[in-house]
Amino acid sequence: MISSVLLRPVAALAMLVALLFHPSPSVAQSAEARERIRSANELLYVDERGQYLFYSGDLIDMKSQRNLTRERVEELLTIDFRELPLELAVTQKIGAGRRVLAVFEDPNCSYCRKLRADLLRLDDVTLYTFPMAFLAPDSETKAARALCAADPVRAWNDLMLQNRVPANDGKCQTSIAKVAELARRLGITGTPVVFFANGRRLQGYAPPDSFERMLAEASRR
């Protein structure tokens, strides 16, 4: 017997299915398993009539051992890098700067600080850093003071690596509000988030060797 605790969220999701479902190509060669809903970076699977819902878990192709859900999520979260408003970012060129990365960071994000240290060890890369300010009450103050510094690139790096907050009042015009709106449109709810040149998204921290492989793959395309 299914408890009402479980029925309530399923009922709510059923309403989403009714509102948002449209026919789409089959998933894993099954005419009855079709996905159409993306919410909070998660996939839900419904049948072609929107009657049955696969609520939790990943869809695995047992023959190829591929995680089809993970692959589809990555595809749905991919963007066109060229459409990013790079004028909102703090831009730093390292070496020739031929490889490109867009990074969303919050000054109070510990994994952002760890990632920043790794990023500065890369070569031949241009970093576009989009400043976010949502993790703590002083995130916006810290970010604004870095952006209002005479050298925003150096100030941001010092802020992330040494928690060194510039002494200015942070009252200049910044991109923080516009970056927050951009993050909302992209479904970014945490930091760090990295976008590669091919539009692929990395959510969270990845060790340097894994990150370098992803960067190399993205830069070949």
N, C-alpha and C. Protein backbone atom coordinates (compact mmCIF):
# COMPACT_ATOMS: atom_id res chain seq x y z
N MET A 1 0.84 -1.20 0.00
CA MET A 1 0.00 0.00 0.00
C MET A 1 0.88 1.25 0.00
N ILE A 2 0.63 2.18 -0.90
CA ILE A 2 1.45 3.38 -1.01
C ILE A 2 0.93 4.43 -0.05
N SER A 3 1.83 5.01 0.72
CA SER A 3 1.42 6.00 1.71
C SER A 3 1.08 7.32 1.05
N SER A 4 0.26 8.13 1.74
CA SER A 4 -0.12 9.44 1.22
C SER A 4 1.09 10.36 1.14
N VAL A 5 2.12 10.09 1.97
CA VAL A 5 3.34 10.89 1.92
C VAL A 5 3.98 10.78 0.55
N LEU A 6 3.93 9.57 -0.02
CA LEU A 6 4.48 9.38 -1.35
C LEU A 6 3.54 9.87 -2.43
N LEU A 7 2.25 9.78 -2.18
CA LEU A 7 1.29 10.14 -3.20
C LEU A 7 1.28 11.64 -3.49
N ARG A 8 1.53 12.42 -2.47
CA ARG A 8 1.44 13.86 -2.67
C ARG A 8 2.45 14.38 -3.69
N PRO A 9 3.76 14.06 -3.55
CA PRO A 9 4.69 14.56 -4.58
C PRO A 9 4.44 13.96 -5.94
N VAL A 10 4.03 12.69 -5.99
CA VAL A 10 3.74 12.06 -7.28
C VAL A 10 2.57 12.76 -7.94
N ALA A 11 1.54 13.11 -7.15
CA ALA A 11 0.39 13.82 -7.70
C ALA A 11 0.80 15.17 -8.27
N ALA A 12 1.68 15.85 -7.56
CA ALA A 12 2.16 17.15 -8.04
C ALA A 12 2.92 16.99 -9.34
N LEU A 13 3.73 15.94 -9.43
CA LEU A 13 4.49 15.69 -10.65
C LEU A 13 3.55 15.32 -11.79
N ALA A 14 2.47 14.61 -11.48
CA ALA A 14 1.50 14.25 -12.50
C ALA A 14 0.89 15.50 -13.12
N MET A 15 0.68 16.52 -12.29
CA MET A 15 0.15 17.78 -12.81
C MET A 15 1.15 18.42 -13.77
N LEU A 16 2.45 18.33 -13.42
CA LEU A 16 3.48 18.85 -14.31
C LEU A 16 3.47 18.11 -15.64
N VAL A 17 3.31 16.80 -15.56
CA VAL A 17 3.25 16.00 -16.79
C VAL A 17 2.12 16.48 -17.67
N ALA A 18 0.95 16.69 -17.06
CA ALA A 18 -0.22 17.12 -17.83
C ALA A 18 0.01 18.48 -18.48
N LEU A 19 0.72 19.36 -17.78
CA LEU A 19 0.94 20.71 -18.28
C LEU A 19 2.06 20.79 -19.32
N LEU A 20 3.12 20.00 -19.12
CA LEU A 20 4.34 20.19 -19.89
C LEU A 20 4.64 19.11 -20.91
N PHE A 21 3.93 17.99 -20.86
CA PHE A 21 4.29 16.87 -21.70
C PHE A 21 4.00 17.14 -23.17
N HIS A 22 4.97 16.80 -24.01
CA HIS A 22 4.79 16.81 -25.46
C HIS A 22 5.48 15.56 -25.99
N PRO A 23 5.00 14.98 -27.10
CA PRO A 23 5.66 13.79 -27.64
C PRO A 23 7.11 14.08 -27.99
N SER A 24 7.94 13.08 -27.84
CA SER A 24 9.36 13.22 -28.17
C SER A 24 9.89 11.88 -28.62
N PRO A 25 11.09 11.85 -29.21
CA PRO A 25 11.69 10.58 -29.62
C PRO A 25 11.82 9.63 -28.44
N SER A 26 11.77 8.33 -28.73
CA SER A 26 11.83 7.34 -27.66
C SER A 26 13.20 7.33 -27.00
N VAL A 27 13.22 6.90 -25.77
CA VAL A 27 14.45 6.78 -25.00
C VAL A 27 14.81 5.31 -24.90
N ALA A 28 16.07 4.98 -25.18
CA ALA A 28 16.54 3.60 -25.10
C ALA A 28 15.69 2.67 -25.96
N GLN A 29 15.28 3.15 -27.15
CA GLN A 29 14.55 2.36 -28.12
C GLN A 29 13.20 1.89 -27.59
N SER A 30 12.64 2.53 -26.57
CA SER A 30 11.35 2.13 -26.02
C SER A 30 10.30 3.16 -26.38
N ALA A 31 9.21 2.71 -27.02
CA ALA A 31 8.15 3.63 -27.41
C ALA A 31 7.34 4.10 -26.22
N GLU A 32 7.49 3.44 -25.08
CA GLU A 32 6.68 3.79 -23.91
C GLU A 32 7.44 4.61 -22.89
N ALA A 33 8.75 4.78 -23.07
CA ALA A 33 9.54 5.56 -22.10
C ALA A 33 10.02 6.82 -22.79
N ARG A 34 9.34 7.90 -22.56
CA ARG A 34 9.67 9.16 -23.24
C ARG A 34 9.85 10.25 -22.20
N GLU A 35 10.94 10.97 -22.32
CA GLU A 35 11.20 12.02 -21.33
C GLU A 35 10.97 13.38 -21.95
N ARG A 36 10.37 14.25 -21.15
CA ARG A 36 10.16 15.60 -21.65
C ARG A 36 10.36 16.68 -20.58
N ILE A 37 10.44 16.32 -19.34
CA ILE A 37 10.42 17.35 -18.31
C ILE A 37 11.78 17.53 -17.71
N ARG A 38 12.21 18.77 -17.63
CA ARG A 38 13.45 19.09 -16.94
C ARG A 38 13.10 20.06 -15.82
N SER A 39 13.41 19.68 -14.59
CA SER A 39 13.12 20.55 -13.45
C SER A 39 14.24 20.39 -12.44
N ALA A 40 14.84 21.50 -12.05
CA ALA A 40 15.93 21.47 -11.08
C ALA A 40 17.04 20.53 -11.53
N ASN A 41 17.33 20.54 -12.84
CA ASN A 41 18.40 19.72 -13.42
C ASN A 41 18.17 18.23 -13.24
N GLU A 42 16.91 17.81 -13.13
CA GLU A 42 16.60 16.40 -13.01
C GLU A 42 15.69 15.99 -14.17
N LEU A 43 15.76 14.71 -14.55
CA LEU A 43 14.91 14.20 -15.60
C LEU A 43 13.80 13.35 -15.00
N LEU A 44 12.61 13.47 -15.57
CA LEU A 44 11.51 12.58 -15.24
C LEU A 44 11.12 11.87 -16.54
N TYR A 45 10.74 10.61 -16.43
CA TYR A 45 10.33 9.85 -17.60
C TYR A 45 8.84 9.55 -17.52
N VAL A 46 8.15 9.78 -18.64
CA VAL A 46 6.72 9.47 -18.70
C VAL A 46 6.45 8.68 -19.96
N ASP A 47 5.31 7.96 -19.98
CA ASP A 47 4.93 7.25 -21.19
C ASP A 47 4.39 8.25 -22.20
N GLU A 48 4.14 7.79 -23.42
CA GLU A 48 3.79 8.70 -24.50
C GLU A 48 2.45 9.39 -24.28
N ARG A 49 1.59 8.87 -23.42
CA ARG A 49 0.32 9.51 -23.12
C ARG A 49 0.38 10.38 -21.87
N GLY A 50 1.53 10.39 -21.19
CA GLY A 50 1.64 11.15 -19.97
C GLY A 50 0.91 10.53 -18.80
N GLN A 51 0.70 9.21 -18.85
CA GLN A 51 -0.08 8.54 -17.80
C GLN A 51 0.81 7.96 -16.71
N TYR A 52 1.96 7.40 -17.09
CA TYR A 52 2.84 6.75 -16.12
C TYR A 52 4.13 7.55 -15.98
N LEU A 53 4.61 7.60 -14.74
CA LEU A 53 5.76 8.42 -14.41
C LEU A 53 6.83 7.59 -13.71
N PHE A 54 8.07 7.65 -14.24
CA PHE A 54 9.21 7.03 -13.57
C PHE A 54 9.82 8.12 -12.71
N TYR A 55 9.60 8.04 -11.39
CA TYR A 55 9.82 9.17 -10.50
C TYR A 55 11.26 9.33 -10.05
N SER A 56 11.98 8.25 -9.83
CA SER A 56 13.31 8.38 -9.25
C SER A 56 14.23 7.30 -9.79
N GLY A 57 15.50 7.67 -9.97
CA GLY A 57 16.48 6.69 -10.44
C GLY A 57 16.96 6.99 -11.84
N ASP A 58 18.00 6.27 -12.26
CA ASP A 58 18.59 6.46 -13.58
C ASP A 58 18.18 5.35 -14.52
N LEU A 59 18.09 5.69 -15.79
CA LEU A 59 17.78 4.71 -16.83
C LEU A 59 19.09 4.21 -17.41
N ILE A 60 19.35 2.91 -17.27
CA ILE A 60 20.62 2.32 -17.69
C ILE A 60 20.39 1.40 -18.88
N ASP A 61 21.22 1.53 -19.90
CA ASP A 61 21.24 0.59 -21.01
C ASP A 61 22.13 -0.58 -20.58
N MET A 62 21.52 -1.72 -20.29
CA MET A 62 22.26 -2.84 -19.73
C MET A 62 23.26 -3.42 -20.72
N LYS A 63 22.95 -3.33 -22.01
CA LYS A 63 23.84 -3.90 -23.01
C LYS A 63 25.13 -3.09 -23.13
N SER A 64 24.99 -1.78 -23.21
CA SER A 64 26.16 -0.92 -23.40
C SER A 64 26.72 -0.39 -22.08
N GLN A 65 25.98 -0.63 -20.98
CA GLN A 65 26.36 -0.13 -19.65
C GLN A 65 26.44 1.40 -19.63
N ARG A 66 25.59 2.04 -20.44
CA ARG A 66 25.55 3.51 -20.46
C ARG A 66 24.44 4.01 -19.55
N ASN A 67 24.75 5.07 -18.84
CA ASN A 67 23.74 5.74 -18.02
C ASN A 67 23.03 6.75 -18.92
N LEU A 68 21.87 6.36 -19.45
CA LEU A 68 21.17 7.20 -20.41
C LEU A 68 20.63 8.46 -19.77
N THR A 69 20.25 8.36 -18.50
CA THR A 69 19.76 9.56 -17.81
C THR A 69 20.86 10.59 -17.68
N ARG A 70 22.04 10.15 -17.25
CA ARG A 70 23.15 11.08 -17.09
C ARG A 70 23.52 11.72 -18.42
N GLU A 71 23.55 10.92 -19.49
CA GLU A 71 23.89 11.46 -20.80
C GLU A 71 22.87 12.50 -21.26
N ARG A 72 21.58 12.20 -21.00
CA ARG A 72 20.52 13.11 -21.43
C ARG A 72 20.54 14.40 -20.61
N VAL A 73 20.81 14.29 -19.32
CA VAL A 73 20.92 15.48 -18.47
C VAL A 73 22.05 16.37 -18.98
N GLU A 74 23.20 15.76 -19.29
CA GLU A 74 24.33 16.54 -19.81
C GLU A 74 23.96 17.24 -21.11
N GLU A 75 23.20 16.54 -21.95
CA GLU A 75 22.79 17.13 -23.22
C GLU A 75 21.85 18.32 -22.99
N LEU A 76 20.89 18.15 -22.08
CA LEU A 76 19.93 19.21 -21.81
C LEU A 76 20.57 20.43 -21.16
N LEU A 77 21.63 20.20 -20.39
CA LEU A 77 22.28 21.30 -19.69
C LEU A 77 23.36 21.98 -20.54
N THR A 78 23.60 21.45 -21.74
CA THR A 78 24.59 22.05 -22.62
C THR A 78 24.06 23.37 -23.20
N ILE A 79 24.93 24.36 -23.29
CA ILE A 79 24.54 25.67 -23.81
C ILE A 79 25.36 26.00 -25.05
N ASP A 80 25.03 27.10 -25.69
CA ASP A 80 25.86 27.66 -26.75
C ASP A 80 26.78 28.68 -26.09
N PHE A 81 28.06 28.34 -25.98
CA PHE A 81 29.01 29.21 -25.28
C PHE A 81 29.01 30.62 -25.87
N ARG A 82 28.79 30.71 -27.18
CA ARG A 82 28.85 32.01 -27.85
C ARG A 82 27.73 32.95 -27.40
N GLU A 83 26.70 32.39 -26.78
CA GLU A 83 25.57 33.21 -26.35
C GLU A 83 25.74 33.74 -24.93
N LEU A 84 26.80 33.35 -24.25
CA LEU A 84 27.04 33.89 -22.91
C LEU A 84 27.38 35.38 -22.99
N PRO A 85 26.81 36.20 -22.13
CA PRO A 85 27.13 37.63 -22.12
C PRO A 85 28.47 37.87 -21.43
N LEU A 86 29.54 37.66 -22.16
CA LEU A 86 30.88 37.69 -21.58
C LEU A 86 31.26 39.07 -21.04
N GLU A 87 30.53 40.09 -21.44
CA GLU A 87 30.81 41.43 -20.92
C GLU A 87 30.48 41.54 -19.42
N LEU A 88 29.71 40.58 -18.90
CA LEU A 88 29.39 40.57 -17.47
C LEU A 88 30.48 39.91 -16.63
N ALA A 89 31.43 39.29 -17.29
CA ALA A 89 32.43 38.49 -16.59
C ALA A 89 33.72 39.26 -16.34
N VAL A 90 34.46 38.80 -15.34
CA VAL A 90 35.84 39.25 -15.12
C VAL A 90 36.72 38.38 -16.02
N THR A 91 37.44 39.00 -16.93
CA THR A 91 38.18 38.26 -17.95
C THR A 91 39.67 38.24 -17.63
N GLN A 92 40.22 37.03 -17.62
CA GLN A 92 41.66 36.86 -17.37
C GLN A 92 42.25 35.95 -18.44
N LYS A 93 43.26 36.43 -19.11
CA LYS A 93 43.94 35.66 -20.15
C LYS A 93 45.24 35.10 -19.59
N ILE A 94 45.40 33.78 -19.69
CA ILE A 94 46.60 33.11 -19.22
C ILE A 94 47.31 32.52 -20.44
N GLY A 95 48.53 32.96 -20.70
CA GLY A 95 49.23 32.52 -21.90
C GLY A 95 48.54 33.07 -23.14
N ALA A 96 48.47 32.25 -24.18
CA ALA A 96 47.83 32.69 -25.43
C ALA A 96 46.32 32.81 -25.30
N GLY A 97 45.75 32.12 -24.33
CA GLY A 97 44.32 32.24 -24.06
C GLY A 97 43.41 31.64 -25.11
N ARG A 98 43.90 30.65 -25.86
CA ARG A 98 43.09 30.10 -26.95
C ARG A 98 41.95 29.21 -26.46
N ARG A 99 42.13 28.57 -25.33
CA ARG A 99 41.06 27.77 -24.73
C ARG A 99 40.22 28.68 -23.84
N VAL A 100 38.93 28.39 -23.76
CA VAL A 100 38.05 29.29 -23.00
C VAL A 100 37.25 28.52 -21.96
N LEU A 101 37.01 29.18 -20.84
CA LEU A 101 36.20 28.64 -19.76
C LEU A 101 35.34 29.75 -19.18
N ALA A 102 34.10 29.44 -18.87
CA ALA A 102 33.23 30.35 -18.13
C ALA A 102 32.98 29.73 -16.76
N VAL A 103 33.22 30.50 -15.71
CA VAL A 103 33.15 29.98 -14.34
C VAL A 103 32.22 30.85 -13.51
N PHE A 104 31.28 30.22 -12.82
CA PHE A 104 30.39 30.93 -11.89
C PHE A 104 30.87 30.62 -10.48
N GLU A 105 31.23 31.68 -9.73
CA GLU A 105 31.81 31.51 -8.40
C GLU A 105 31.16 32.45 -7.39
N ASP A 106 31.12 32.01 -6.15
CA ASP A 106 30.71 32.84 -5.02
C ASP A 106 31.91 33.00 -4.10
N PRO A 107 32.17 34.20 -3.56
CA PRO A 107 33.35 34.41 -2.72
C PRO A 107 33.39 33.51 -1.48
N ASN A 108 32.24 33.03 -1.03
CA ASN A 108 32.20 32.20 0.18
C ASN A 108 32.11 30.71 -0.12
N CYS A 109 32.38 30.34 -1.36
CA CYS A 109 32.30 28.94 -1.78
C CYS A 109 33.68 28.29 -1.66
N SER A 110 33.81 27.32 -0.75
CA SER A 110 35.11 26.69 -0.51
C SER A 110 35.59 25.91 -1.73
N TYR A 111 34.69 25.23 -2.43
CA TYR A 111 35.11 24.49 -3.62
C TYR A 111 35.46 25.44 -4.77
N CYS A 112 34.85 26.62 -4.77
CA CYS A 112 35.25 27.63 -5.77
C CYS A 112 36.69 28.06 -5.54
N ARG A 113 37.06 28.22 -4.29
CA ARG A 113 38.44 28.62 -3.98
C ARG A 113 39.42 27.53 -4.41
N LYS A 114 39.03 26.29 -4.17
CA LYS A 114 39.89 25.17 -4.57
C LYS A 114 40.01 25.11 -6.09
N LEU A 115 38.89 25.30 -6.77
CA LEU A 115 38.90 25.30 -8.23
C LEU A 115 39.71 26.47 -8.78
N ARG A 116 39.57 27.65 -8.16
CA ARG A 116 40.31 28.82 -8.62
C ARG A 116 41.81 28.58 -8.62
N ALA A 117 42.30 27.95 -7.57
CA ALA A 117 43.73 27.64 -7.49
C ALA A 117 44.15 26.73 -8.65
N ASP A 118 43.31 25.76 -8.99
CA ASP A 118 43.61 24.87 -10.11
C ASP A 118 43.57 25.62 -11.43
N LEU A 119 42.57 26.49 -11.59
CA LEU A 119 42.42 27.21 -12.86
C LEU A 119 43.63 28.08 -13.16
N LEU A 120 44.18 28.69 -12.13
CA LEU A 120 45.32 29.58 -12.35
C LEU A 120 46.60 28.84 -12.69
N ARG A 121 46.58 27.51 -12.56
CA ARG A 121 47.74 26.70 -12.96
C ARG A 121 47.64 26.26 -14.42
N LEU A 122 46.51 26.49 -15.05
CA LEU A 122 46.34 26.12 -16.45
C LEU A 122 47.15 27.05 -17.34
N ASP A 123 47.37 26.60 -18.58
CA ASP A 123 48.01 27.48 -19.55
C ASP A 123 47.14 27.59 -20.79
N ASP A 124 47.40 28.62 -21.59
CA ASP A 124 46.69 28.83 -22.85
C ASP A 124 45.18 28.84 -22.64
N VAL A 125 44.71 29.63 -21.70
CA VAL A 125 43.28 29.64 -21.40
C VAL A 125 42.82 31.06 -21.08
N THR A 126 41.61 31.37 -21.48
CA THR A 126 40.96 32.61 -21.07
C THR A 126 39.83 32.27 -20.11
N LEU A 127 39.87 32.85 -18.93
CA LEU A 127 38.86 32.60 -17.90
C LEU A 127 37.85 33.74 -17.90
N TYR A 128 36.59 33.38 -18.02
CA TYR A 128 35.51 34.35 -17.87
C TYR A 128 34.79 34.02 -16.56
N THR A 129 35.01 34.83 -15.55
CA THR A 129 34.46 34.57 -14.23
C THR A 129 33.21 35.40 -14.01
N PHE A 130 32.10 34.71 -13.77
CA PHE A 130 30.82 35.36 -13.50
C PHE A 130 30.61 35.39 -11.99
N PRO A 131 30.64 36.58 -11.37
CA PRO A 131 30.57 36.67 -9.92
C PRO A 131 29.15 36.49 -9.39
N MET A 132 29.00 35.53 -8.50
CA MET A 132 27.71 35.30 -7.85
C MET A 132 27.81 35.68 -6.38
N ALA A 133 26.66 35.93 -5.76
CA ALA A 133 26.66 36.39 -4.37
C ALA A 133 25.38 35.94 -3.68
N PHE A 134 25.38 34.68 -3.25
CA PHE A 134 24.16 34.15 -2.65
C PHE A 134 24.40 33.22 -1.47
N LEU A 135 25.62 32.80 -1.25
CA LEU A 135 25.89 31.78 -0.23
C LEU A 135 25.87 32.33 1.19
N ALA A 136 26.20 33.58 1.37
CA ALA A 136 26.28 34.16 2.72
C ALA A 136 25.91 35.63 2.66
N PRO A 137 25.52 36.22 3.80
CA PRO A 137 25.12 37.64 3.80
C PRO A 137 26.19 38.58 3.27
N ASP A 138 27.47 38.24 3.46
CA ASP A 138 28.53 39.14 3.01
C ASP A 138 29.07 38.80 1.62
N SER A 139 28.46 37.84 0.94
CA SER A 139 28.95 37.46 -0.39
C SER A 139 28.89 38.64 -1.36
N GLU A 140 27.79 39.38 -1.33
CA GLU A 140 27.65 40.50 -2.27
C GLU A 140 28.65 41.60 -1.96
N THR A 141 28.87 41.89 -0.68
CA THR A 141 29.84 42.92 -0.31
C THR A 141 31.23 42.55 -0.80
N LYS A 142 31.62 41.31 -0.55
CA LYS A 142 32.94 40.85 -0.99
C LYS A 142 33.08 40.93 -2.51
N ALA A 143 32.07 40.41 -3.21
CA ALA A 143 32.13 40.41 -4.67
C ALA A 143 32.17 41.82 -5.22
N ALA A 144 31.33 42.70 -4.69
CA ALA A 144 31.28 44.07 -5.18
C ALA A 144 32.60 44.80 -4.96
N ARG A 145 33.21 44.60 -3.82
CA ARG A 145 34.48 45.28 -3.56
C ARG A 145 35.58 44.78 -4.49
N ALA A 146 35.56 43.50 -4.82
CA ALA A 146 36.54 42.98 -5.77
C ALA A 146 36.30 43.57 -7.16
N LEU A 147 35.04 43.63 -7.56
CA LEU A 147 34.71 44.15 -8.89
C LEU A 147 34.98 45.65 -8.99
N CYS A 148 34.91 46.36 -7.89
CA CYS A 148 35.15 47.81 -7.89
C CYS A 148 36.62 48.17 -7.70
N ALA A 149 37.47 47.19 -7.55
CA ALA A 149 38.90 47.45 -7.36
C ALA A 149 39.53 47.98 -8.65
N ALA A 150 40.67 48.61 -8.51
CA ALA A 150 41.37 49.14 -9.69
C ALA A 150 41.75 48.02 -10.65
N ASP A 151 42.07 46.85 -10.11
CA ASP A 151 42.41 45.68 -10.93
C ASP A 151 41.48 44.54 -10.50
N PRO A 152 40.29 44.42 -11.12
CA PRO A 152 39.32 43.40 -10.71
C PRO A 152 39.83 41.97 -10.82
N VAL A 153 40.65 41.70 -11.82
CA VAL A 153 41.18 40.34 -11.99
C VAL A 153 42.03 39.96 -10.78
N ARG A 154 42.98 40.81 -10.46
CA ARG A 154 43.84 40.52 -9.31
C ARG A 154 43.03 40.49 -8.01
N ALA A 155 42.10 41.44 -7.87
CA ALA A 155 41.29 41.51 -6.65
C ALA A 155 40.44 40.25 -6.49
N TRP A 156 39.87 39.76 -7.59
CA TRP A 156 39.05 38.54 -7.49
C TRP A 156 39.90 37.33 -7.11
N ASN A 157 41.06 37.22 -7.73
CA ASN A 157 41.95 36.10 -7.39
C ASN A 157 42.39 36.17 -5.93
N ASP A 158 42.74 37.37 -5.46
CA ASP A 158 43.14 37.52 -4.05
C ASP A 158 41.98 37.20 -3.11
N LEU A 159 40.78 37.59 -3.52
CA LEU A 159 39.60 37.30 -2.70
C LEU A 159 39.37 35.80 -2.59
N MET A 160 39.46 35.11 -3.72
CA MET A 160 39.18 33.68 -3.74
C MET A 160 40.29 32.87 -3.08
N LEU A 161 41.53 33.25 -3.29
CA LEU A 161 42.65 32.45 -2.81
C LEU A 161 43.08 32.80 -1.39
N GLN A 162 42.92 34.06 -1.00
CA GLN A 162 43.41 34.51 0.30
C GLN A 162 42.33 35.16 1.17
N ASN A 163 41.10 35.18 0.66
CA ASN A 163 40.00 35.86 1.35
C ASN A 163 40.36 37.31 1.68
N ARG A 164 41.10 37.93 0.77
CA ARG A 164 41.52 39.32 0.95
C ARG A 164 40.48 40.23 0.30
N VAL A 165 39.74 40.95 1.12
CA VAL A 165 38.67 41.81 0.62
C VAL A 165 39.21 43.23 0.42
N PRO A 166 39.07 43.80 -0.77
CA PRO A 166 39.55 45.16 -1.01
C PRO A 166 38.91 46.16 -0.05
N ALA A 167 39.60 47.26 0.20
CA ALA A 167 39.16 48.22 1.20
C ALA A 167 38.19 49.26 0.66
N ASN A 168 37.85 49.20 -0.63
CA ASN A 168 36.92 50.19 -1.18
C ASN A 168 35.50 49.96 -0.66
N ASP A 169 34.59 50.87 -0.99
CA ASP A 169 33.22 50.76 -0.46
C ASP A 169 32.31 49.89 -1.31
N GLY A 170 32.79 49.40 -2.46
CA GLY A 170 32.00 48.52 -3.31
C GLY A 170 30.77 49.18 -3.92
N LYS A 171 30.82 50.50 -4.10
CA LYS A 171 29.65 51.23 -4.56
C LYS A 171 29.64 51.50 -6.07
N CYS A 172 30.56 50.92 -6.80
CA CYS A 172 30.56 51.12 -8.25
C CYS A 172 29.46 50.25 -8.89
N GLN A 173 29.23 50.47 -10.17
CA GLN A 173 28.25 49.66 -10.89
C GLN A 173 28.87 48.30 -11.20
N THR A 174 28.21 47.23 -10.76
CA THR A 174 28.73 45.88 -10.98
C THR A 174 27.73 45.04 -11.78
N SER A 175 28.18 43.86 -12.16
CA SER A 175 27.34 42.94 -12.95
C SER A 175 26.64 41.91 -12.07
N ILE A 176 26.71 42.05 -10.76
CA ILE A 176 26.22 41.00 -9.85
C ILE A 176 24.75 40.67 -10.08
N ALA A 177 23.90 41.69 -10.18
CA ALA A 177 22.46 41.45 -10.36
C ALA A 177 22.18 40.78 -11.70
N LYS A 178 22.86 41.21 -12.75
CA LYS A 178 22.65 40.61 -14.07
C LYS A 178 23.17 39.18 -14.11
N VAL A 179 24.26 38.92 -13.42
CA VAL A 179 24.78 37.54 -13.35
C VAL A 179 23.81 36.65 -12.60
N ALA A 180 23.19 37.17 -11.55
CA ALA A 180 22.19 36.39 -10.80
C ALA A 180 21.03 36.01 -11.70
N GLU A 181 20.58 36.93 -12.55
CA GLU A 181 19.50 36.63 -13.48
C GLU A 181 19.95 35.62 -14.53
N LEU A 182 21.17 35.77 -15.02
CA LEU A 182 21.72 34.80 -15.97
C LEU A 182 21.78 33.41 -15.34
N ALA A 183 22.24 33.33 -14.11
CA ALA A 183 22.32 32.05 -13.41
C ALA A 183 20.94 31.43 -13.27
N ARG A 184 19.95 32.25 -12.98
CA ARG A 184 18.58 31.73 -12.86
C ARG A 184 18.12 31.13 -14.18
N ARG A 185 18.38 31.82 -15.28
CA ARG A 185 17.97 31.32 -16.60
C ARG A 185 18.68 30.03 -16.96
N LEU A 186 19.92 29.90 -16.51
CA LEU A 186 20.71 28.69 -16.83
C LEU A 186 20.45 27.56 -15.84
N GLY A 187 19.63 27.80 -14.84
CA GLY A 187 19.34 26.76 -13.86
C GLY A 187 20.47 26.51 -12.90
N ILE A 188 21.30 27.51 -12.66
CA ILE A 188 22.42 27.37 -11.73
C ILE A 188 21.93 27.65 -10.32
N THR A 189 22.06 26.66 -9.45
CA THR A 189 21.59 26.81 -8.07
C THR A 189 22.71 26.66 -7.05
N GLY A 190 23.91 26.39 -7.52
CA GLY A 190 25.06 26.24 -6.62
C GLY A 190 26.33 26.59 -7.36
N THR A 191 27.42 26.64 -6.63
CA THR A 191 28.72 26.95 -7.23
C THR A 191 29.76 25.96 -6.71
N PRO A 192 30.85 25.75 -7.46
CA PRO A 192 31.14 26.35 -8.76
C PRO A 192 30.41 25.65 -9.89
N VAL A 193 30.22 26.38 -10.97
CA VAL A 193 29.72 25.82 -12.23
C VAL A 193 30.65 26.30 -13.33
N VAL A 194 31.06 25.37 -14.19
CA VAL A 194 31.98 25.69 -15.28
C VAL A 194 31.32 25.32 -16.60
N PHE A 195 31.45 26.18 -17.59
CA PHE A 195 31.04 25.87 -18.95
C PHE A 195 32.28 25.83 -19.83
N PHE A 196 32.39 24.75 -20.62
CA PHE A 196 33.51 24.59 -21.55
C PHE A 196 33.13 25.15 -22.92
N ALA A 197 34.10 25.21 -23.82
CA ALA A 197 33.88 25.81 -25.14
C ALA A 197 32.79 25.09 -25.92
N ASN A 198 32.63 23.79 -25.70
CA ASN A 198 31.60 23.03 -26.40
C ASN A 198 30.23 23.15 -25.73
N GLY A 199 30.14 23.99 -24.70
CA GLY A 199 28.86 24.20 -24.03
C GLY A 199 28.56 23.25 -22.91
N ARG A 200 29.42 22.25 -22.71
CA ARG A 200 29.19 21.29 -21.63
C ARG A 200 29.36 21.96 -20.27
N ARG A 201 28.58 21.48 -19.33
CA ARG A 201 28.54 22.06 -17.99
C ARG A 201 29.15 21.10 -16.97
N LEU A 202 29.98 21.65 -16.11
CA LEU A 202 30.51 20.91 -14.96
C LEU A 202 29.96 21.57 -13.71
N GLN A 203 29.23 20.81 -12.92
CA GLN A 203 28.66 21.32 -11.68
C GLN A 203 29.47 20.77 -10.51
N GLY A 204 30.12 21.66 -9.78
CA GLY A 204 30.94 21.23 -8.67
C GLY A 204 32.41 21.16 -9.05
N TYR A 205 33.18 20.64 -8.13
CA TYR A 205 34.63 20.58 -8.29
C TYR A 205 35.05 19.26 -8.92
N ALA A 206 36.05 19.32 -9.80
CA ALA A 206 36.65 18.12 -10.39
C ALA A 206 38.16 18.19 -10.18
N PRO A 207 38.80 17.07 -9.85
CA PRO A 207 40.26 17.06 -9.67
C PRO A 207 40.97 17.53 -10.93
N PRO A 208 42.18 18.09 -10.79
CA PRO A 208 42.88 18.68 -11.94
C PRO A 208 43.02 17.76 -13.14
N ASP A 209 43.34 16.47 -12.92
CA ASP A 209 43.53 15.59 -14.07
C ASP A 209 42.23 15.38 -14.83
N SER A 210 41.13 15.20 -14.11
CA SER A 210 39.82 15.05 -14.76
C SER A 210 39.42 16.34 -15.47
N PHE A 211 39.65 17.45 -14.80
CA PHE A 211 39.29 18.74 -15.38
C PHE A 211 40.07 19.00 -16.66
N GLU A 212 41.35 18.70 -16.64
CA GLU A 212 42.19 18.93 -17.83
C GLU A 212 41.73 18.07 -18.99
N ARG A 213 41.29 16.84 -18.73
CA ARG A 213 40.78 15.98 -19.80
C ARG A 213 39.52 16.58 -20.41
N MET A 214 38.62 17.08 -19.56
CA MET A 214 37.40 17.70 -20.06
C MET A 214 37.70 18.95 -20.87
N LEU A 215 38.66 19.73 -20.40
CA LEU A 215 39.05 20.95 -21.11
C LEU A 215 39.66 20.62 -22.46
N ALA A 216 40.52 19.61 -22.50
CA ALA A 216 41.16 19.21 -23.76
C ALA A 216 40.12 18.71 -24.76
N GLU A 217 39.17 17.91 -24.28
CA GLU A 217 38.13 17.39 -25.16
C GLU A 217 37.28 18.52 -25.72
N ALA A 218 36.90 19.46 -24.86
CA ALA A 218 36.07 20.57 -25.30
C ALA A 218 36.79 21.46 -26.29
N SER A 219 38.08 21.62 -26.12
CA SER A 219 38.86 22.53 -26.96
C SER A 219 39.15 21.95 -28.33
N ARG A 220 39.00 20.63 -28.48
CA ARG A 220 39.26 20.00 -29.78
C ARG A 220 38.11 20.24 -30.75
N ARG A 221 36.95 20.56 -30.24
CA ARG A 221 35.76 20.66 -31.09
C ARG A 221 35.63 22.04 -31.71
